[in-house]
Amino acid sequence: MNTSAISAAEARTAPDRVGQATMLLKYTFALVPIVAGLDKFLNLLTDWSKYLAPVVVDSIPLSPATFMYIVGAIEIVAGILVFVKPRIGALVVALWLVGIAINLLLSGQYYDVAVRDLVMAIAAFSLYLLLGDRERFA
């Protein structure tokens, strides 16, 4: 088997795989924040205010429920931004997820969710990086 032929074939399909991965990440980081943001108003998935760190609750001049409405609106806008301006939106979502993880770490609980959100932030940042290279794979 000629390994150079395999490498050439893989090289030809790399842009397709990169494009598919980029689209998958784009739709994930557009839809998930929108759904999570909408649920901040409905609380069907969970009571979101229980995830607020006490230091955050003590430092905001709003009720936790009102604060979560604002969080929900920001998440919806961030998800829409990923659809409209994917590279900027991916960076916003990545930073937002890091902020959520910091809040969770400050809460002294939900460490598993904080780790998950940090991993998602890395994936959103990866989308940002992939979108910066998209001209190379067009």
C-alpha atoms as a PDB file:
ATOM      1  CA  MET A   1       0.000   0.000   0.000  1.00  0.00           C
ATOM      2  CA  ASN A   2       1.368   3.382  -0.989  1.00  0.00           C
ATOM      3  CA  THR A   3       1.320   5.653   2.083  1.00  0.00           C
ATOM      4  CA  SER A   4       1.821   8.789   0.002  1.00  0.00           C
ATOM      5  CA  ALA A   5      -1.416   7.985  -1.858  1.00  0.00           C
ATOM      6  CA  ILE A   6      -3.243   7.699   1.457  1.00  0.00           C
ATOM      7  CA  SER A   7      -1.787  10.980   2.635  1.00  0.00           C
ATOM      8  CA  ALA A   8      -2.824  12.715  -0.581  1.00  0.00           C
ATOM      9  CA  ALA A   9      -6.366  11.325  -0.306  1.00  0.00           C
ATOM     10  CA  GLU A  10      -6.588  12.391   3.329  1.00  0.00           C
ATOM     11  CA  ALA A  11      -5.299  15.829   2.400  1.00  0.00           C
ATOM     12  CA  ARG A  12      -8.066  16.205  -0.179  1.00  0.00           C
ATOM     13  CA  THR A  13     -10.794  15.290   2.334  1.00  0.00           C
ATOM     14  CA  ALA A  14      -9.349  17.356   5.208  1.00  0.00           C
ATOM     15  CA  PRO A  15     -11.151  20.550   4.134  1.00  0.00           C
ATOM     16  CA  ASP A  16     -14.446  18.618   4.021  1.00  0.00           C
ATOM     17  CA  ARG A  17     -13.909  17.269   7.549  1.00  0.00           C
ATOM     18  CA  VAL A  18     -12.818  20.670   8.840  1.00  0.00           C
ATOM     19  CA  GLY A  19     -15.877  22.272   7.255  1.00  0.00           C
ATOM     20  CA  GLN A  20     -18.186  19.655   8.726  1.00  0.00           C
ATOM     21  CA  ALA A  21     -16.665  20.011  12.185  1.00  0.00           C
ATOM     22  CA  THR A  22     -16.893  23.791  11.927  1.00  0.00           C
ATOM     23  CA  MET A  23     -20.577  23.660  10.956  1.00  0.00           C
ATOM     24  CA  LEU A  24     -21.347  21.190  13.755  1.00  0.00           C
ATOM     25  CA  LEU A  25     -19.668  23.458  16.307  1.00  0.00           C
ATOM     26  CA  LYS A  26     -21.358  26.548  14.858  1.00  0.00           C
ATOM     27  CA  TYR A  27     -24.845  25.111  15.171  1.00  0.00           C
ATOM     28  CA  THR A  28     -24.103  23.672  18.609  1.00  0.00           C
ATOM     29  CA  PHE A  29     -22.848  26.993  19.988  1.00  0.00           C
ATOM     30  CA  ALA A  30     -25.710  28.880  18.385  1.00  0.00           C
ATOM     31  CA  LEU A  31     -28.563  26.612  19.451  1.00  0.00           C
ATOM     32  CA  VAL A  32     -27.463  25.551  22.940  1.00  0.00           C
ATOM     33  CA  PRO A  33     -27.105  29.114  24.309  1.00  0.00           C
ATOM     34  CA  ILE A  34     -30.464  30.069  22.779  1.00  0.00           C
ATOM     35  CA  VAL A  35     -32.203  27.063  24.357  1.00  0.00           C
ATOM     36  CA  ALA A  36     -30.458  27.571  27.713  1.00  0.00           C
ATOM     37  CA  GLY A  37     -31.265  31.288  27.559  1.00  0.00           C
ATOM     38  CA  LEU A  38     -34.931  30.667  26.853  1.00  0.00           C
ATOM     39  CA  ASP A  39     -35.068  28.213  29.728  1.00  0.00           C
ATOM     40  CA  LYS A  40     -33.848  30.925  32.122  1.00  0.00           C
ATOM     41  CA  PHE A  41     -37.365  32.345  31.670  1.00  0.00           C
ATOM     42  CA  LEU A  42     -39.165  28.997  31.902  1.00  0.00           C
ATOM     43  CA  ASN A  43     -37.085  26.925  34.342  1.00  0.00           C
ATOM     44  CA  LEU A  44     -38.170  23.698  32.665  1.00  0.00           C
ATOM     45  CA  LEU A  45     -34.705  22.126  32.700  1.00  0.00           C
ATOM     46  CA  THR A  46     -33.783  23.270  36.216  1.00  0.00           C
ATOM     47  CA  ASP A  47     -34.055  26.120  38.689  1.00  0.00           C
ATOM     48  CA  TRP A  48     -31.168  28.117  37.265  1.00  0.00           C
ATOM     49  CA  SER A  49     -30.845  30.479  40.223  1.00  0.00           C
ATOM     50  CA  LYS A  50     -29.566  27.626  42.402  1.00  0.00           C
ATOM     51  CA  TYR A  51     -26.343  27.726  40.358  1.00  0.00           C
ATOM     52  CA  LEU A  52     -25.531  31.289  41.414  1.00  0.00           C
ATOM     53  CA  ALA A  53     -22.617  31.521  43.816  1.00  0.00           C
ATOM     54  CA  PRO A  54     -23.557  33.145  47.142  1.00  0.00           C
ATOM     55  CA  VAL A  55     -20.931  35.847  46.536  1.00  0.00           C
ATOM     56  CA  VAL A  56     -22.720  36.717  43.271  1.00  0.00           C
ATOM     57  CA  VAL A  57     -26.157  36.731  44.935  1.00  0.00           C
ATOM     58  CA  ASP A  58     -24.813  39.011  47.685  1.00  0.00           C
ATOM     59  CA  SER A  59     -23.201  41.419  45.228  1.00  0.00           C
ATOM     60  CA  ILE A  60     -26.055  41.976  42.776  1.00  0.00           C
ATOM     61  CA  PRO A  61     -28.836  44.485  43.487  1.00  0.00           C
ATOM     62  CA  LEU A  62     -31.426  42.150  41.939  1.00  0.00           C
ATOM     63  CA  SER A  63     -33.232  39.015  42.927  1.00  0.00           C
ATOM     64  CA  PRO A  64     -31.605  35.824  41.633  1.00  0.00           C
ATOM     65  CA  ALA A  65     -34.617  35.229  39.365  1.00  0.00           C
ATOM     66  CA  THR A  66     -34.357  38.691  37.807  1.00  0.00           C
ATOM     67  CA  PHE A  67     -30.619  38.274  37.375  1.00  0.00           C
ATOM     68  CA  MET A  68     -31.203  34.956  35.600  1.00  0.00           C
ATOM     69  CA  TYR A  69     -33.628  36.673  33.196  1.00  0.00           C
ATOM     70  CA  ILE A  70     -30.780  39.017  32.242  1.00  0.00           C
ATOM     71  CA  VAL A  71     -28.430  36.025  31.914  1.00  0.00           C
ATOM     72  CA  GLY A  72     -31.004  34.319  29.686  1.00  0.00           C
ATOM     73  CA  ALA A  73     -31.271  37.369  27.427  1.00  0.00           C
ATOM     74  CA  ILE A  74     -27.480  37.545  27.131  1.00  0.00           C
ATOM     75  CA  GLU A  75     -27.307  33.857  26.232  1.00  0.00           C
ATOM     76  CA  ILE A  76     -29.984  34.247  23.556  1.00  0.00           C
ATOM     77  CA  VAL A  77     -28.100  37.194  22.043  1.00  0.00           C
ATOM     78  CA  ALA A  78     -24.829  35.222  22.187  1.00  0.00           C
ATOM     79  CA  GLY A  79     -26.434  32.290  20.360  1.00  0.00           C
ATOM     80  CA  ILE A  80     -27.861  34.570  17.686  1.00  0.00           C
ATOM     81  CA  LEU A  81     -24.456  36.223  17.368  1.00  0.00           C
ATOM     82  CA  VAL A  82     -22.934  32.821  16.561  1.00  0.00           C
ATOM     83  CA  PHE A  83     -25.417  32.527  13.682  1.00  0.00           C
ATOM     84  CA  VAL A  84     -24.878  36.068  12.388  1.00  0.00           C
ATOM     85  CA  LYS A  85     -21.187  36.702  13.152  1.00  0.00           C
ATOM     86  CA  PRO A  86     -19.891  33.215  13.967  1.00  0.00           C
ATOM     87  CA  ARG A  87     -16.298  34.099  14.777  1.00  0.00           C
ATOM     88  CA  ILE A  88     -17.174  36.908  17.187  1.00  0.00           C
ATOM     89  CA  GLY A  89     -20.069  34.875  18.591  1.00  0.00           C
ATOM     90  CA  ALA A  90     -17.839  31.866  19.238  1.00  0.00           C
ATOM     91  CA  LEU A  91     -15.436  34.038  21.216  1.00  0.00           C
ATOM     92  CA  VAL A  92     -18.299  35.609  23.205  1.00  0.00           C
ATOM     93  CA  VAL A  93     -19.728  32.167  24.016  1.00  0.00           C
ATOM     94  CA  ALA A  94     -16.293  30.851  25.026  1.00  0.00           C
ATOM     95  CA  LEU A  95     -15.738  33.758  27.406  1.00  0.00           C
ATOM     96  CA  TRP A  96     -19.286  33.496  28.736  1.00  0.00           C
ATOM     97  CA  LEU A  97     -18.771  29.801  29.511  1.00  0.00           C
ATOM     98  CA  VAL A  98     -15.551  30.601  31.386  1.00  0.00           C
ATOM     99  CA  GLY A  99     -17.516  33.154  33.415  1.00  0.00           C
ATOM    100  CA  ILE A 100     -20.169  30.562  34.214  1.00  0.00           C
ATOM    101  CA  ALA A 101     -17.476  28.087  35.276  1.00  0.00           C
ATOM    102  CA  ILE A 102     -15.884  30.687  37.568  1.00  0.00           C
ATOM    103  CA  ASN A 103     -19.286  31.352  39.149  1.00  0.00           C
ATOM    104  CA  LEU A 104     -19.760  27.616  39.702  1.00  0.00           C
ATOM    105  CA  LEU A 105     -16.310  27.252  41.242  1.00  0.00           C
ATOM    106  CA  LEU A 106     -17.067  30.188  43.558  1.00  0.00           C
ATOM    107  CA  SER A 107     -20.254  28.439  44.650  1.00  0.00           C
ATOM    108  CA  GLY A 108     -18.210  25.653  46.213  1.00  0.00           C
ATOM    109  CA  GLN A 109     -20.302  23.028  44.471  1.00  0.00           C
ATOM    110  CA  TYR A 110     -21.210  21.916  40.956  1.00  0.00           C
ATOM    111  CA  TYR A 111     -17.545  21.313  40.136  1.00  0.00           C
ATOM    112  CA  ASP A 112     -18.601  18.723  37.561  1.00  0.00           C
ATOM    113  CA  VAL A 113     -20.682  21.307  35.718  1.00  0.00           C
ATOM    114  CA  ALA A 114     -17.824  23.831  35.949  1.00  0.00           C
ATOM    115  CA  VAL A 115     -15.459  21.346  34.297  1.00  0.00           C
ATOM    116  CA  ARG A 116     -18.031  20.617  31.593  1.00  0.00           C
ATOM    117  CA  ASP A 117     -18.463  24.331  30.927  1.00  0.00           C
ATOM    118  CA  LEU A 118     -14.694  24.816  30.677  1.00  0.00           C
ATOM    119  CA  VAL A 119     -14.530  21.994  28.138  1.00  0.00           C
ATOM    120  CA  MET A 120     -17.373  23.618  26.204  1.00  0.00           C
ATOM    121  CA  ALA A 121     -15.482  26.930  26.360  1.00  0.00           C
ATOM    122  CA  ILE A 122     -12.469  25.217  24.790  1.00  0.00           C
ATOM    123  CA  ALA A 123     -14.721  23.830  22.053  1.00  0.00           C
ATOM    124  CA  ALA A 124     -16.235  27.276  21.422  1.00  0.00           C
ATOM    125  CA  PHE A 125     -12.747  28.778  21.257  1.00  0.00           C
ATOM    126  CA  SER A 126     -11.804  26.002  18.827  1.00  0.00           C
ATOM    127  CA  LEU A 127     -14.689  27.144  16.637  1.00  0.00           C
ATOM    128  CA  TYR A 128     -13.279  30.673  16.813  1.00  0.00           C
ATOM    129  CA  LEU A 129      -9.894  29.350  15.656  1.00  0.00           C
ATOM    130  CA  LEU A 130     -11.410  27.205  12.889  1.00  0.00           C
ATOM    131  CA  LEU A 131     -13.405  30.130  11.552  1.00  0.00           C
ATOM    132  CA  GLY A 132     -10.213  32.170  11.372  1.00  0.00           C
ATOM    133  CA  ASP A 133      -8.747  29.519   9.086  1.00  0.00           C
ATOM    134  CA  ARG A 134     -11.809  28.998   6.924  1.00  0.00           C
ATOM    135  CA  GLU A 135     -10.362  30.833   3.918  1.00  0.00           C
ATOM    136  CA  ARG A 136      -7.548  28.307   3.815  1.00  0.00           C
ATOM    137  CA  PHE A 137     -10.061  25.453   3.500  1.00  0.00           C
ATOM    138  CA  ALA A 138     -12.589  27.121   1.230  1.00  0.00           C
END
